[in-house]
PDB file of N, CA and C in Angstrom:
ATOM      1  N   MET A   1      14.220   2.714  14.602  1.00  0.00           N
ATOM      2  CA  MET A   1      14.333   1.442  14.094  1.00  0.00           C
ATOM      3  C   MET A   1      14.021   1.490  12.590  1.00  0.00           C
ATOM      4  N   LYS A   2      14.830   0.863  11.741  1.00  0.00           N
ATOM      5  CA  LYS A   2      14.490   0.755  10.303  1.00  0.00           C
ATOM      6  C   LYS A   2      14.225  -0.773  10.007  1.00  0.00           C
ATOM      7  N   ILE A   3      13.577  -0.968   8.985  1.00  0.00           N
ATOM      8  CA  ILE A   3      13.191  -2.288   8.614  1.00  0.00           C
ATOM      9  C   ILE A   3      13.596  -2.454   7.024  1.00  0.00           C
ATOM     10  N   ARG A   4      14.135  -3.497   6.707  1.00  0.00           N
ATOM     11  CA  ARG A   4      14.488  -3.754   5.281  1.00  0.00           C
ATOM     12  C   ARG A   4      13.858  -5.131   4.936  1.00  0.00           C
ATOM     13  N   PRO A   5      12.633  -5.092   4.141  1.00  0.00           N
ATOM     14  CA  PRO A   5      12.027  -6.289   3.869  1.00  0.00           C
ATOM     15  C   PRO A   5      12.890  -7.135   2.808  1.00  0.00           C
ATOM     16  N   LEU A   6      12.631  -8.540   2.770  1.00  0.00           N
ATOM     17  CA  LEU A   6      13.410  -9.251   2.019  1.00  0.00           C
ATOM     18  C   LEU A   6      12.673  -9.615   0.748  1.00  0.00           C
ATOM     19  N   TYR A   7      13.408  -9.870  -0.272  1.00  0.00           N
ATOM     20  CA  TYR A   7      13.004 -10.410  -1.611  1.00  0.00           C
ATOM     21  C   TYR A   7      11.755  -9.440  -2.175  1.00  0.00           C
ATOM     22  N   ASP A   8      10.645  -9.890  -2.498  1.00  0.00           N
ATOM     23  CA  ASP A   8       9.556  -9.225  -3.119  1.00  0.00           C
ATOM     24  C   ASP A   8       8.568  -8.629  -2.075  1.00  0.00           C
ATOM     25  N   ARG A   9       9.015  -8.504  -0.747  1.00  0.00           N
ATOM     26  CA  ARG A   9       7.979  -7.916   0.139  1.00  0.00           C
ATOM     27  C   ARG A   9       8.216  -6.275   0.227  1.00  0.00           C
ATOM     28  N   ILE A  10       7.040  -5.709   0.619  1.00  0.00           N
ATOM     29  CA  ILE A  10       7.104  -4.303   0.857  1.00  0.00           C
ATOM     30  C   ILE A  10       6.565  -3.901   2.138  1.00  0.00           C
ATOM     31  N   VAL A  11       6.868  -2.782   2.731  1.00  0.00           N
ATOM     32  CA  VAL A  11       6.338  -2.325   3.999  1.00  0.00           C
ATOM     33  C   VAL A  11       5.501  -1.100   3.554  1.00  0.00           C
ATOM     34  N   VAL A  12       4.213  -1.184   4.118  1.00  0.00           N
ATOM     35  CA  VAL A  12       3.249  -0.124   3.779  1.00  0.00           C
ATOM     36  C   VAL A  12       2.717   0.537   5.018  1.00  0.00           C
ATOM     37  N   LYS A  13       2.498   1.805   4.948  1.00  0.00           N
ATOM     38  CA  LYS A  13       1.814   2.618   6.017  1.00  0.00           C
ATOM     39  C   LYS A  13       0.433   2.869   5.505  1.00  0.00           C
ATOM     40  N   ARG A  14      -0.609   2.588   6.201  1.00  0.00           N
ATOM     41  CA  ARG A  14      -1.924   2.785   5.847  1.00  0.00           C
ATOM     42  C   ARG A  14      -2.148   4.445   5.647  1.00  0.00           C
ATOM     43  N   VAL A  15      -2.876   4.910   4.770  1.00  0.00           N
ATOM     44  CA  VAL A  15      -3.321   6.328   4.574  1.00  0.00           C
ATOM     45  C   VAL A  15      -4.768   6.429   5.014  1.00  0.00           C
ATOM     46  N   GLU A  16      -5.095   7.271   6.018  1.00  0.00           N
ATOM     47  CA  GLU A  16      -6.306   7.562   6.341  1.00  0.00           C
ATOM     48  C   GLU A  16      -7.087   8.483   5.359  1.00  0.00           C
ATOM     49  N   THR A  17      -8.286   8.003   4.816  1.00  0.00           N
ATOM     50  CA  THR A  17      -8.968   8.844   4.063  1.00  0.00           C
ATOM     51  C   THR A  17     -10.083   9.436   4.815  1.00  0.00           C
ATOM     52  N   THR A  18     -10.340  10.725   4.415  1.00  0.00           N
ATOM     53  CA  THR A  18     -11.401  11.435   5.102  1.00  0.00           C
ATOM     54  C   THR A  18     -12.694  11.374   4.307  1.00  0.00           C
ATOM     55  N   GLU A  19     -13.702  10.726   4.871  1.00  0.00           N
ATOM     56  CA  GLU A  19     -14.998  10.632   4.218  1.00  0.00           C
ATOM     57  C   GLU A  19     -16.028  11.263   5.062  1.00  0.00           C
ATOM     58  N   GLN A  20     -16.934  12.071   4.535  1.00  0.00           N
ATOM     59  CA  GLN A  20     -17.991  12.567   5.267  1.00  0.00           C
ATOM     60  C   GLN A  20     -19.227  11.893   4.954  1.00  0.00           C
ATOM     61  N   MET A  21     -19.961  11.430   5.980  1.00  0.00           N
ATOM     62  CA  MET A  21     -21.260  10.771   5.787  1.00  0.00           C
ATOM     63  C   MET A  21     -22.359  11.707   5.438  1.00  0.00           C
ATOM     64  N   GLN A  22     -23.104  11.410   4.634  1.00  0.00           N
ATOM     65  CA  GLN A  22     -24.336  12.218   4.256  1.00  0.00           C
ATOM     66  C   GLN A  22     -25.316  11.969   5.381  1.00  0.00           C
ATOM     67  N   GLY A  23     -25.851  13.066   5.766  1.00  0.00           N
ATOM     68  CA  GLY A  23     -26.863  13.037   6.904  1.00  0.00           C
ATOM     69  C   GLY A  23     -26.313  13.197   8.205  1.00  0.00           C
ATOM     70  N   GLY A  24     -25.129  13.374   8.331  1.00  0.00           N
ATOM     71  CA  GLY A  24     -24.280  13.662   9.515  1.00  0.00           C
ATOM     72  C   GLY A  24     -24.239  12.529  10.518  1.00  0.00           C
ATOM     73  N   LEU A  25     -24.308  11.301  10.241  1.00  0.00           N
ATOM     74  CA  LEU A  25     -24.052  10.119  11.023  1.00  0.00           C
ATOM     75  C   LEU A  25     -22.631  10.151  11.470  1.00  0.00           C
ATOM     76  N   TYR A  26     -22.450   9.744  12.773  1.00  0.00           N
ATOM     77  CA  TYR A  26     -21.159   9.437  13.385  1.00  0.00           C
ATOM     78  C   TYR A  26     -20.817   8.009  13.429  1.00  0.00           C
ATOM     79  N   ILE A  27     -19.683   7.625  12.853  1.00  0.00           N
ATOM     80  CA  ILE A  27     -19.368   6.167  13.034  1.00  0.00           C
ATOM     81  C   ILE A  27     -18.106   6.086  13.899  1.00  0.00           C
ATOM     82  N   PRO A  28     -18.212   5.403  14.936  1.00  0.00           N
ATOM     83  CA  PRO A  28     -17.063   5.322  15.914  1.00  0.00           C
ATOM     84  C   PRO A  28     -15.951   4.463  15.320  1.00  0.00           C
ATOM     85  N   ASP A  29     -14.738   4.857  15.800  1.00  0.00           N
ATOM     86  CA  ASP A  29     -13.563   4.149  15.088  1.00  0.00           C
ATOM     87  C   ASP A  29     -13.510   2.719  15.226  1.00  0.00           C
ATOM     88  N   THR A  30     -14.237   2.028  16.187  1.00  0.00           N
ATOM     89  CA  THR A  30     -14.292   0.684  16.317  1.00  0.00           C
ATOM     90  C   THR A  30     -15.100   0.103  15.092  1.00  0.00           C
ATOM     91  N   ALA A  31     -16.068   0.740  14.559  1.00  0.00           N
ATOM     92  CA  ALA A  31     -16.892   0.235  13.579  1.00  0.00           C
ATOM     93  C   ALA A  31     -16.381   0.500  12.086  1.00  0.00           C
ATOM     94  N   LYS A  32     -15.351   1.586  11.998  1.00  0.00           N
ATOM     95  CA  LYS A  32     -14.871   1.689  10.729  1.00  0.00           C
ATOM     96  C   LYS A  32     -13.965   0.681  10.138  1.00  0.00           C
ATOM     97  N   GLU A  33     -14.031   0.555   8.764  1.00  0.00           N
ATOM     98  CA  GLU A  33     -13.051  -0.391   8.228  1.00  0.00           C
ATOM     99  C   GLU A  33     -11.690   0.129   8.112  1.00  0.00           C
ATOM    100  N   LYS A  34     -10.645  -0.640   8.052  1.00  0.00           N
ATOM    101  CA  LYS A  34      -9.336  -0.133   7.845  1.00  0.00           C
ATOM    102  C   LYS A  34      -9.215   0.366   6.484  1.00  0.00           C
ATOM    103  N   PRO A  35      -8.507   1.365   6.217  1.00  0.00           N
ATOM    104  CA  PRO A  35      -8.297   1.752   4.729  1.00  0.00           C
ATOM    105  C   PRO A  35      -7.543   0.724   3.963  1.00  0.00           C
ATOM    106  N   GLN A  36      -7.849   0.651   2.686  1.00  0.00           N
ATOM    107  CA  GLN A  36      -7.136  -0.217   1.692  1.00  0.00           C
ATOM    108  C   GLN A  36      -6.214   0.469   0.867  1.00  0.00           C
ATOM    109  N   GLU A  37      -5.792   1.760   1.320  1.00  0.00           N
ATOM    110  CA  GLU A  37      -5.080   2.514   0.605  1.00  0.00           C
ATOM    111  C   GLU A  37      -3.635   2.757   1.458  1.00  0.00           C
ATOM    112  N   GLY A  38      -2.509   2.829   0.950  1.00  0.00           N
ATOM    113  CA  GLY A  38      -1.348   3.212   1.739  1.00  0.00           C
ATOM    114  C   GLY A  38      -0.142   3.636   1.000  1.00  0.00           C
ATOM    115  N   GLU A  39       0.854   4.035   1.680  1.00  0.00           N
ATOM    116  CA  GLU A  39       2.098   4.568   1.057  1.00  0.00           C
ATOM    117  C   GLU A  39       3.185   3.640   1.353  1.00  0.00           C
ATOM    118  N   VAL A  40       4.033   3.392   0.230  1.00  0.00           N
ATOM    119  CA  VAL A  40       5.054   2.325   0.439  1.00  0.00           C
ATOM    120  C   VAL A  40       6.189   3.054   1.186  1.00  0.00           C
ATOM    121  N   VAL A  41       6.802   2.376   2.222  1.00  0.00           N
ATOM    122  CA  VAL A  41       7.825   2.917   3.096  1.00  0.00           C
ATOM    123  C   VAL A  41       9.193   2.303   2.813  1.00  0.00           C
ATOM    124  N   ALA A  42       9.062   0.938   2.534  1.00  0.00           N
ATOM    125  CA  ALA A  42      10.352   0.270   2.142  1.00  0.00           C
ATOM    126  C   ALA A  42       9.968  -0.936   1.185  1.00  0.00           C
ATOM    127  N   VAL A  43      11.048  -1.229   0.461  1.00  0.00           N
ATOM    128  CA  VAL A  43      10.743  -2.348  -0.551  1.00  0.00           C
ATOM    129  C   VAL A  43      11.984  -3.258  -0.479  1.00  0.00           C
ATOM    130  N   GLY A  44      11.837  -4.603  -0.783  1.00  0.00           N
ATOM    131  CA  GLY A  44      12.919  -5.450  -0.848  1.00  0.00           C
ATOM    132  C   GLY A  44      13.753  -5.285  -2.183  1.00  0.00           C
ATOM    133  N   LYS A  45      14.752  -6.207  -2.318  1.00  0.00           N
ATOM    134  CA  LYS A  45      15.593  -6.150  -3.497  1.00  0.00           C
ATOM    135  C   LYS A  45      14.935  -6.552  -4.767  1.00  0.00           C
ATOM    136  N   GLY A  46      13.890  -7.454  -4.647  1.00  0.00           N
ATOM    137  CA  GLY A  46      13.232  -7.990  -5.821  1.00  0.00           C
ATOM    138  C   GLY A  46      12.988  -9.510  -5.795  1.00  0.00           C
ATOM    139  N   LYS A  47      12.185  -9.961  -6.799  1.00  0.00           N
ATOM    140  CA  LYS A  47      11.718 -11.422  -6.726  1.00  0.00           C
ATOM    141  C   LYS A  47      12.882 -12.287  -7.292  1.00  0.00           C
ATOM    142  N   ARG A  48      13.096 -13.299  -6.491  1.00  0.00           N
ATOM    143  CA  ARG A  48      14.226 -14.271  -7.114  1.00  0.00           C
ATOM    144  C   ARG A  48      13.521 -15.329  -7.915  1.00  0.00           C
ATOM    145  N   LEU A  49      13.912 -15.508  -9.136  1.00  0.00           N
ATOM    146  CA  LEU A  49      13.392 -16.553 -10.059  1.00  0.00           C
ATOM    147  C   LEU A  49      14.052 -17.848  -9.802  1.00  0.00           C
ATOM    148  N   GLU A  50      13.588 -18.939 -10.524  1.00  0.00           N
ATOM    149  CA  GLU A  50      14.087 -20.152 -10.268  1.00  0.00           C
ATOM    150  C   GLU A  50      15.512 -20.418 -10.662  1.00  0.00           C
ATOM    151  N   ASP A  51      15.806 -19.651 -11.688  1.00  0.00           N
ATOM    152  CA  ASP A  51      17.408 -19.768 -12.199  1.00  0.00           C
ATOM    153  C   ASP A  51      18.271 -18.811 -11.391  1.00  0.00           C
ATOM    154  N   GLY A  52      17.809 -18.230 -10.293  1.00  0.00           N
ATOM    155  CA  GLY A  52      18.608 -17.421  -9.444  1.00  0.00           C
ATOM    156  C   GLY A  52      18.721 -15.961  -9.651  1.00  0.00           C
ATOM    157  N   LYS A  53      18.157 -15.516 -10.824  1.00  0.00           N
ATOM    158  CA  LYS A  53      18.120 -14.179 -11.186  1.00  0.00           C
ATOM    159  C   LYS A  53      17.034 -13.345 -10.251  1.00  0.00           C
ATOM    160  N   VAL A  54      17.528 -12.093  -9.984  1.00  0.00           N
ATOM    161  CA  VAL A  54      16.472 -11.192  -9.155  1.00  0.00           C
ATOM    162  C   VAL A  54      15.988 -10.131 -10.061  1.00  0.00           C
ATOM    163  N   ILE A  55      14.670  -9.945 -10.082  1.00  0.00           N
ATOM    164  CA  ILE A  55      13.931  -9.052 -10.825  1.00  0.00           C
ATOM    165  C   ILE A  55      13.399  -7.868  -9.940  1.00  0.00           C
ATOM    166  N   ALA A  56      13.772  -6.676 -10.211  1.00  0.00           N
ATOM    167  CA  ALA A  56      13.396  -5.630  -9.468  1.00  0.00           C
ATOM    168  C   ALA A  56      11.976  -5.391  -9.432  1.00  0.00           C
ATOM    169  N   LEU A  57      11.360  -4.802  -8.302  1.00  0.00           N
ATOM    170  CA  LEU A  57      10.015  -4.583  -8.047  1.00  0.00           C
ATOM    171  C   LEU A  57       9.485  -3.361  -8.926  1.00  0.00           C
ATOM    172  N   ASP A  58       8.290  -3.450  -9.309  1.00  0.00           N
ATOM    173  CA  ASP A  58       7.616  -2.300  -9.882  1.00  0.00           C
ATOM    174  C   ASP A  58       7.177  -1.232  -8.883  1.00  0.00           C
ATOM    175  N   VAL A  59       7.023  -1.616  -7.762  1.00  0.00           N
ATOM    176  CA  VAL A  59       6.674  -0.530  -6.670  1.00  0.00           C
ATOM    177  C   VAL A  59       7.891   0.091  -6.069  1.00  0.00           C
ATOM    178  N   GLN A  60       7.797   1.341  -5.807  1.00  0.00           N
ATOM    179  CA  GLN A  60       8.977   2.167  -5.264  1.00  0.00           C
ATOM    180  C   GLN A  60       8.642   2.827  -4.091  1.00  0.00           C
ATOM    181  N   VAL A  61       9.642   3.128  -3.154  1.00  0.00           N
ATOM    182  CA  VAL A  61       9.199   3.948  -1.927  1.00  0.00           C
ATOM    183  C   VAL A  61       8.559   5.186  -2.232  1.00  0.00           C
ATOM    184  N   GLY A  62       7.487   5.505  -1.606  1.00  0.00           N
ATOM    185  CA  GLY A  62       6.759   6.730  -1.814  1.00  0.00           C
ATOM    186  C   GLY A  62       5.537   6.609  -2.707  1.00  0.00           C
ATOM    187  N   ASP A  63       5.355   5.329  -3.367  1.00  0.00           N
ATOM    188  CA  ASP A  63       4.154   5.157  -4.174  1.00  0.00           C
ATOM    189  C   ASP A  63       2.995   5.002  -3.271  1.00  0.00           C
ATOM    190  N   LYS A  64       1.748   5.574  -3.814  1.00  0.00           N
ATOM    191  CA  LYS A  64       0.590   5.315  -3.135  1.00  0.00           C
ATOM    192  C   LYS A  64      -0.070   4.155  -3.765  1.00  0.00           C
ATOM    193  N   ILE A  65      -0.525   3.114  -3.109  1.00  0.00           N
ATOM    194  CA  ILE A  65      -0.988   1.872  -3.609  1.00  0.00           C
ATOM    195  C   ILE A  65      -2.353   1.448  -3.087  1.00  0.00           C
ATOM    196  N   LEU A  66      -3.112   0.591  -3.708  1.00  0.00           N
ATOM    197  CA  LEU A  66      -4.342   0.045  -3.389  1.00  0.00           C
ATOM    198  C   LEU A  66      -4.033  -1.523  -3.050  1.00  0.00           C
ATOM    199  N   PHE A  67      -4.612  -2.047  -1.950  1.00  0.00           N
ATOM    200  CA  PHE A  67      -4.300  -3.502  -1.698  1.00  0.00           C
ATOM    201  C   PHE A  67      -5.684  -4.040  -1.287  1.00  0.00           C
ATOM    202  N   GLY A  68      -5.785  -5.359  -1.216  1.00  0.00           N
ATOM    203  CA  GLY A  68      -6.957  -6.123  -0.735  1.00  0.00           C
ATOM    204  C   GLY A  68      -7.282  -5.920   0.630  1.00  0.00           C
ATOM    205  N   LYS A  69      -8.468  -6.286   1.001  1.00  0.00           N
ATOM    206  CA  LYS A  69      -8.939  -6.062   2.293  1.00  0.00           C
ATOM    207  C   LYS A  69      -8.219  -7.054   3.351  1.00  0.00           C
ATOM    208  N   TYR A  70      -7.805  -8.163   2.911  1.00  0.00           N
ATOM    209  CA  TYR A  70      -7.070  -9.136   3.767  1.00  0.00           C
ATOM    210  C   TYR A  70      -5.720  -9.397   3.398  1.00  0.00           C
ATOM    211  N   SER A  71      -5.113  -8.409   2.693  1.00  0.00           N
ATOM    212  CA  SER A  71      -3.742  -8.499   2.302  1.00  0.00           C
ATOM    213  C   SER A  71      -2.773  -8.326   3.469  1.00  0.00           C
ATOM    214  N   GLY A  72      -1.582  -8.973   3.404  1.00  0.00           N
ATOM    215  CA  GLY A  72      -0.419  -8.630   4.378  1.00  0.00           C
ATOM    216  C   GLY A  72      -0.666  -9.045   5.627  1.00  0.00           C
ATOM    217  N   SER A  73       0.336  -8.653   6.499  1.00  0.00           N
ATOM    218  CA  SER A  73       0.365  -8.849   7.989  1.00  0.00           C
ATOM    219  C   SER A  73       0.626  -7.605   8.628  1.00  0.00           C
ATOM    220  N   ASP A  74      -0.136  -7.206   9.616  1.00  0.00           N
ATOM    221  CA  ASP A  74       0.070  -5.953  10.504  1.00  0.00           C
ATOM    222  C   ASP A  74       1.225  -6.091  11.391  1.00  0.00           C
ATOM    223  N   ILE A  75       2.137  -5.078  11.399  1.00  0.00           N
ATOM    224  CA  ILE A  75       3.279  -5.066  12.336  1.00  0.00           C
ATOM    225  C   ILE A  75       3.296  -3.721  12.950  1.00  0.00           C
ATOM    226  N   LYS A  76       3.905  -3.609  14.139  1.00  0.00           N
ATOM    227  CA  LYS A  76       4.166  -2.453  14.817  1.00  0.00           C
ATOM    228  C   LYS A  76       5.622  -2.148  15.153  1.00  0.00           C
ATOM    229  N   LEU A  77       6.075  -1.114  14.716  1.00  0.00           N
ATOM    230  CA  LEU A  77       7.619  -0.575  14.999  1.00  0.00           C
ATOM    231  C   LEU A  77       7.589   0.768  15.493  1.00  0.00           C
ATOM    232  N   ASP A  78       8.175   0.836  16.679  1.00  0.00           N
ATOM    233  CA  ASP A  78       8.412   2.121  17.291  1.00  0.00           C
ATOM    234  C   ASP A  78       7.005   2.855  17.544  1.00  0.00           C
ATOM    235  N   GLY A  79       6.046   2.080  17.921  1.00  0.00           N
ATOM    236  CA  GLY A  79       4.705   2.675  18.114  1.00  0.00           C
ATOM    237  C   GLY A  79       3.848   2.945  16.818  1.00  0.00           C
ATOM    238  N   GLU A  80       4.481   2.793  15.658  1.00  0.00           N
ATOM    239  CA  GLU A  80       3.676   3.032  14.395  1.00  0.00           C
ATOM    240  C   GLU A  80       3.280   1.739  13.929  1.00  0.00           C
ATOM    241  N   GLU A  81       2.120   1.758  13.256  1.00  0.00           N
ATOM    242  CA  GLU A  81       1.563   0.638  12.616  1.00  0.00           C
ATOM    243  C   GLU A  81       1.780   0.633  11.234  1.00  0.00           C
ATOM    244  N   TYR A  82       2.252  -0.480  10.739  1.00  0.00           N
ATOM    245  CA  TYR A  82       2.631  -0.736   9.395  1.00  0.00           C
ATOM    246  C   TYR A  82       2.025  -2.112   8.857  1.00  0.00           C
ATOM    247  N   MET A  83       2.188  -2.341   7.669  1.00  0.00           N
ATOM    248  CA  MET A  83       1.680  -3.531   7.045  1.00  0.00           C
ATOM    249  C   MET A  83       2.811  -4.109   6.195  1.00  0.00           C
ATOM    250  N   ILE A  84       3.219  -5.408   6.158  1.00  0.00           N
ATOM    251  CA  ILE A  84       4.242  -6.107   5.352  1.00  0.00           C
ATOM    252  C   ILE A  84       3.472  -7.037   4.430  1.00  0.00           C
ATOM    253  N   MET A  85       3.647  -6.886   3.201  1.00  0.00           N
ATOM    254  CA  MET A  85       3.008  -7.758   2.243  1.00  0.00           C
ATOM    255  C   MET A  85       3.982  -8.049   1.041  1.00  0.00           C
ATOM    256  N   ARG A  86       3.581  -8.985   0.151  1.00  0.00           N
ATOM    257  CA  ARG A  86       4.277  -9.323  -1.063  1.00  0.00           C
ATOM    258  C   ARG A  86       3.855  -8.348  -2.232  1.00  0.00           C
ATOM    259  N   GLU A  87       4.631  -8.049  -3.135  1.00  0.00           N
ATOM    260  CA  GLU A  87       4.264  -7.254  -4.205  1.00  0.00           C
ATOM    261  C   GLU A  87       3.052  -7.629  -4.983  1.00  0.00           C
ATOM    262  N   ASP A  88       2.812  -9.038  -5.039  1.00  0.00           N
ATOM    263  CA  ASP A  88       1.781  -9.461  -5.887  1.00  0.00           C
ATOM    264  C   ASP A  88       0.434  -9.328  -5.227  1.00  0.00           C
ATOM    265  N   GLU A  89       0.307  -8.805  -3.864  1.00  0.00           N
ATOM    266  CA  GLU A  89      -0.895  -8.575  -3.274  1.00  0.00           C
ATOM    267  C   GLU A  89      -1.326  -7.095  -3.545  1.00  0.00           C
ATOM    268  N   VAL A  90      -0.462  -6.292  -4.223  1.00  0.00           N
ATOM    269  CA  VAL A  90      -0.830  -4.824  -4.512  1.00  0.00           C
ATOM    270  C   VAL A  90      -1.692  -4.941  -5.885  1.00  0.00           C
ATOM    271  N   LEU A  91      -2.785  -4.256  -5.696  1.00  0.00           N
ATOM    272  CA  LEU A  91      -3.822  -4.198  -6.736  1.00  0.00           C
ATOM    273  C   LEU A  91      -3.436  -3.255  -7.740  1.00  0.00           C
ATOM    274  N   GLY A  92      -2.907  -2.063  -7.295  1.00  0.00           N
ATOM    275  CA  GLY A  92      -2.540  -0.894  -8.288  1.00  0.00           C
ATOM    276  C   GLY A  92      -1.850   0.189  -7.569  1.00  0.00           C
ATOM    277  N   ILE A  93      -1.152   0.954  -8.402  1.00  0.00           N
ATOM    278  CA  ILE A  93      -0.396   2.216  -8.004  1.00  0.00           C
ATOM    279  C   ILE A  93      -1.249   3.327  -8.322  1.00  0.00           C
ATOM    280  N   LEU A  94      -1.579   4.220  -7.307  1.00  0.00           N
ATOM    281  CA  LEU A  94      -2.332   5.488  -7.589  1.00  0.00           C
ATOM    282  C   LEU A  94      -1.437   6.523  -8.169  1.00  0.00           C
ATOM    283  N   ASP A  95      -1.902   7.315  -9.085  1.00  0.00           N
ATOM    284  CA  ASP A  95      -1.160   8.352  -9.769  1.00  0.00           C
ATOM    285  C   ASP A  95      -1.526   9.660  -8.804  1.00  0.00           C
ATOM    286  N   SER A  96      -0.476  10.447  -8.573  1.00  0.00           N
ATOM    287  CA  SER A  96      -0.738  11.582  -7.773  1.00  0.00           C
ATOM    288  C   SER A  96      -1.800  12.729  -8.454  1.00  0.00           C
ATOM    289  N   ALA A  97      -1.786  12.815  -9.605  1.00  0.00           N
ATOM    290  CA  ALA A  97      -2.858  13.750 -10.227  1.00  0.00           C
ATOM    291  C   ALA A  97      -3.552  12.937 -11.364  1.00  0.00           C
ATOM    292  N   PRO A  98      -4.977  12.888 -11.266  1.00  0.00           N
ATOM    293  CA  PRO A  98      -5.711  12.262 -12.365  1.00  0.00           C
ATOM    294  C   PRO A  98      -5.495  13.019 -13.675  1.00  0.00           C
ATOM    295  N   LYS A  99      -5.370  12.083 -14.684  1.00  0.00           N
ATOM    296  CA  LYS A  99      -5.188  12.734 -16.027  1.00  0.00           C
ATOM    297  C   LYS A  99      -6.577  12.773 -16.693  1.00  0.00           C
ATOM    298  N   VAL A 100      -6.824  13.992 -17.399  1.00  0.00           N
ATOM    299  CA  VAL A 100      -8.041  14.251 -18.120  1.00  0.00           C
ATOM    300  C   VAL A 100      -7.896  13.623 -19.553  1.00  0.00           C
ATOM    301  N   ALA A 101      -8.843  12.834 -19.828  1.00  0.00           N
ATOM    302  CA  ALA A 101      -8.797  12.222 -21.184  1.00  0.00           C
ATOM    303  C   ALA A 101      -9.088  13.413 -22.245  1.00  0.00           C
ATOM    304  N   LYS A 102      -8.391  13.295 -23.288  1.00  0.00           N
ATOM    305  CA  LYS A 102      -8.488  14.359 -24.478  1.00  0.00           C
ATOM    306  C   LYS A 102      -9.645  13.790 -25.348  1.00  0.00           C
ATOM    307  N   LYS A 103     -10.469  14.878 -25.911  1.00  0.00           N
ATOM    308  CA  LYS A 103     -11.566  14.481 -26.655  1.00  0.00           C
ATOM    309  C   LYS A 103     -11.081  14.253 -28.175  1.00  0.00           C
ATOM    310  N   ALA A 104     -11.448  13.100 -28.542  1.00  0.00           N
ATOM    311  CA  ALA A 104     -11.053  12.739 -30.031  1.00  0.00           C
ATOM    312  C   ALA A 104     -11.808  13.632 -30.964  1.00  0.00           C
ATOM    313  N   SER A 105     -10.893  14.040 -31.990  1.00  0.00           N
ATOM    314  CA  SER A 105     -11.555  14.973 -32.907  1.00  0.00           C
ATOM    315  C   SER A 105     -11.568  14.358 -34.410  1.00  0.00           C
TER     316      SER A 105
END
């Protein structure tokens, strides 16, 4: 099954981050917070303005994004868990490789 979000909505799959606790503490899955990082799976056509024009979204399929703790709605498709949210709920797009700042001379 494929999903095509409407207007300025995007479909996101959460990305599990691996974190090790110092001291070797075990945290069960029920006590862990859901990650606030995800990968964009599908995007809508864009935001419709009052005059009827459609503006394309800044977020593209494959982008890694950060979103708020209570953003979007959880959905389940073909046994997989996804989130659907508006583009304005996205806090930022993560770059694949961090850039090193050059020293000013």
